[in-house]
């Protein structure tokens, strides 16, 4: 489970069919995280599907560091 995940973290959708959706964690409750996606509304994702270990994956979501998103 992503115990390191916190509000304000930027996350990326790892699904290869998607165009690398990036969003910001807006809320965490009841084992779910609400991710606000730029211009695409909000998505609710189980926190166990958000990875914070930095390993490349083909599914779920991954937290991205500020250097990865151009900040």
Foldseek 3Di string as FASTA:
>chain_A
DCPVDDFQFKKWFLAPVDPTFIFTFHDDDPQWTWTQTVVPGIDIDGPVLEDDPPDRDNGGMYTDDCVVVVD
